[in-house]
Amino acid sequence: MKQKVTNLHFFFHDILSGDKPTSVQVAAPKNLSSLVKEKLFGTIFVIDDPLTEGPEADSKVLGSAQGYYIIAGQDSPMLVLAADYGFTTGPYNGSSFSVFSRNPVMDTDRELAVVGGRGAFRMAQGIAKLHTHSIDATTGDAVVEYNVTLFHYE
């Protein structure tokens, strides 16, 4: 097998509001202390977030990120994200890479670890560099720009 490097660029839309949210709360801790109420510590969300070419909601859909995140930071909003980023169009149709990483969402720029892949991204490792493009402070809806470097095998 030959090692290959692939660079990807796309936008991730995490929508908590409206009639068709792409991120849904599925669990919250029973202990509703002030820490939990203010920081949502211990809350779990399941996601099926669209991946698009551009930041606009009507931009061409490339695929989706499916998985979950847990709010794990007690002092600040810190997520632990486990998701499969699957592509449904273009040269990577049917392929995906997986992320399992700490995500300091209050940082505008951050990095996530790529821990696997399938299809064209078989045995992927790499890094996803994230930049918060926009966030609605009222709804929590966010658009995040991704620049991903994958090391994988053909």
Protein backbone atom coordinates (compact mmCIF):
# COMPACT_ATOMS: atom_id res chain seq x y z
CA MET A 1 0.00 0.00 0.00
CA LYS A 2 1.15 3.50 -0.80
CA GLN A 3 0.78 6.40 1.64
CA LYS A 4 -1.03 9.44 0.32
CA VAL A 5 -1.76 12.95 1.64
CA THR A 6 -5.14 14.62 1.01
CA ASN A 7 -6.15 18.15 1.98
CA LEU A 8 -9.85 18.93 2.40
CA HIS A 9 -11.71 22.21 2.90
CA PHE A 10 -15.38 22.46 3.86
CA PHE A 11 -17.86 24.04 6.28
CA PHE A 12 -19.66 22.25 9.13
CA HIS A 13 -23.14 23.49 10.12
CA ASP A 14 -24.17 22.69 13.71
CA ILE A 15 -27.82 23.75 14.02
CA LEU A 16 -29.61 23.48 17.38
CA SER A 17 -32.61 25.69 16.54
CA GLY A 18 -35.62 25.61 14.25
CA ASP A 19 -37.80 22.82 12.88
CA LYS A 20 -34.91 20.68 11.61
CA PRO A 21 -32.01 20.84 14.05
CA THR A 22 -28.89 18.88 13.11
CA SER A 23 -27.69 18.68 16.72
CA VAL A 24 -30.06 17.32 19.37
CA GLN A 25 -29.59 17.03 23.13
CA VAL A 26 -30.15 13.40 24.16
CA ALA A 27 -28.93 13.37 27.77
CA ALA A 28 -28.27 15.71 30.67
CA PRO A 29 -27.07 15.03 34.20
CA LYS A 30 -29.60 14.49 36.96
CA ASN A 31 -27.69 16.76 39.33
CA LEU A 32 -28.77 20.21 38.19
CA SER A 33 -26.27 22.17 40.24
CA SER A 34 -25.43 25.73 39.26
CA LEU A 35 -22.34 24.38 37.45
CA VAL A 36 -24.49 22.17 35.24
CA LYS A 37 -27.09 24.87 34.58
CA GLU A 38 -24.52 27.50 33.60
CA LYS A 39 -22.02 25.37 31.68
CA LEU A 40 -24.20 22.42 30.56
CA PHE A 41 -21.47 20.16 31.96
CA GLY A 42 -22.31 16.50 31.32
CA THR A 43 -24.78 17.14 28.49
CA ILE A 44 -24.67 14.90 25.40
CA PHE A 45 -25.72 15.91 21.88
CA VAL A 46 -26.11 13.66 18.83
CA ILE A 47 -25.25 15.25 15.49
CA ASP A 48 -25.99 14.80 11.80
CA ASP A 49 -24.43 18.05 10.62
CA PRO A 50 -24.16 18.96 6.92
CA LEU A 51 -20.75 19.56 5.37
CA THR A 52 -20.85 22.17 2.61
CA GLU A 53 -18.57 23.85 0.07
CA GLY A 54 -19.24 27.31 1.45
CA PRO A 55 -20.47 28.86 4.71
CA GLU A 56 -23.96 29.64 3.40
CA ALA A 57 -26.81 27.34 4.46
CA ASP A 58 -27.75 26.79 0.80
CA SER A 59 -24.20 25.98 -0.30
CA LYS A 60 -23.59 22.65 -2.07
CA VAL A 61 -23.74 19.74 0.40
CA LEU A 62 -20.69 17.47 0.30
CA GLY A 63 -21.76 15.06 3.04
CA SER A 64 -22.40 15.03 6.77
CA ALA A 65 -20.73 14.60 10.13
CA GLN A 66 -22.53 12.02 12.24
CA GLY A 67 -21.71 11.24 15.84
CA TYR A 68 -21.92 12.91 19.21
CA TYR A 69 -20.33 15.45 21.48
CA ILE A 70 -20.23 15.66 25.23
CA ILE A 71 -19.83 18.90 27.15
CA ALA A 72 -16.94 17.85 29.36
CA GLY A 73 -15.44 21.13 30.58
CA GLN A 74 -16.30 22.25 34.10
CA ASP A 75 -14.53 25.61 33.87
CA SER A 76 -15.32 26.51 30.26
CA PRO A 77 -17.31 25.00 27.40
CA MET A 78 -15.08 22.10 26.30
CA LEU A 79 -16.47 19.38 24.06
CA VAL A 80 -15.28 15.86 23.45
CA LEU A 81 -16.25 15.09 19.86
CA ALA A 82 -16.58 11.65 18.25
CA ALA A 83 -17.80 11.86 14.66
CA ASP A 84 -17.57 10.27 11.22
CA TYR A 85 -17.25 12.83 8.40
CA GLY A 86 -18.81 11.09 5.40
CA PHE A 87 -18.84 12.37 1.84
CA THR A 88 -21.83 11.75 -0.43
CA THR A 89 -20.69 13.49 -3.61
CA GLY A 90 -17.58 14.26 -5.61
CA PRO A 91 -14.31 12.32 -5.73
CA TYR A 92 -14.65 11.12 -2.12
CA ASN A 93 -18.25 9.88 -2.41
CA GLY A 94 -18.66 6.92 -0.04
CA SER A 95 -15.49 7.70 1.92
CA SER A 96 -15.14 9.12 5.40
CA PHE A 97 -12.67 10.02 8.12
CA SER A 98 -13.21 9.87 11.87
CA VAL A 99 -12.43 12.36 14.62
CA PHE A 100 -12.15 11.66 18.32
CA SER A 101 -10.80 14.72 20.05
CA ARG A 102 -11.11 17.48 22.59
CA ASN A 103 -12.73 20.56 21.04
CA PRO A 104 -12.24 23.87 22.90
CA VAL A 105 -15.21 25.55 21.21
CA MET A 106 -14.64 28.97 22.76
CA ASP A 107 -11.33 29.23 20.87
CA THR A 108 -11.88 30.70 17.41
CA ASP A 109 -9.08 28.53 16.01
CA ARG A 110 -8.40 24.99 17.19
CA GLU A 111 -7.22 21.54 16.10
CA LEU A 112 -8.86 18.12 16.27
CA ALA A 113 -7.25 14.69 15.90
CA VAL A 114 -8.21 12.51 12.94
CA VAL A 115 -8.04 8.90 14.15
CA GLY A 116 -9.25 6.79 11.23
CA GLY A 117 -10.95 6.54 7.89
CA ARG A 118 -12.48 4.27 5.30
CA GLY A 119 -12.85 4.14 1.53
CA ALA A 120 -10.45 6.61 -0.10
CA PHE A 121 -9.27 7.59 3.40
CA ARG A 122 -8.41 4.05 4.55
CA MET A 123 -6.39 4.04 7.80
CA ALA A 124 -6.36 7.85 7.93
CA GLN A 125 -4.53 9.86 10.53
CA GLY A 126 -4.18 13.57 10.54
CA ILE A 127 -5.32 16.90 11.82
CA ALA A 128 -8.41 19.04 11.32
CA LYS A 129 -7.83 22.76 11.75
CA LEU A 130 -11.05 24.52 12.69
CA HIS A 131 -12.03 28.18 12.50
CA THR A 132 -15.37 29.40 13.84
CA HIS A 133 -16.90 31.22 10.89
CA SER A 134 -20.05 32.31 12.73
CA ILE A 135 -22.01 31.56 15.88
CA ASP A 136 -25.42 32.76 17.02
CA ALA A 137 -25.12 33.54 20.75
CA THR A 138 -28.89 33.15 21.22
CA THR A 139 -29.49 29.80 19.49
CA GLY A 140 -26.02 28.24 19.63
CA ASP A 141 -26.13 27.60 15.87
CA ALA A 142 -22.61 27.62 14.45
CA VAL A 143 -20.78 27.38 11.14
CA VAL A 144 -17.21 26.11 11.40
CA GLU A 145 -14.61 26.14 8.64
CA TYR A 146 -12.50 22.96 8.37
CA ASN A 147 -9.07 22.54 6.78
CA VAL A 148 -8.15 18.88 7.10
CA THR A 149 -4.87 17.12 6.30
CA LEU A 150 -5.16 13.35 6.03
CA PHE A 151 -2.37 10.78 5.78
CA HIS A 152 -3.91 7.58 4.44
CA TYR A 153 -3.31 4.58 2.18
CA GLU A 154 -4.48 3.68 -1.32
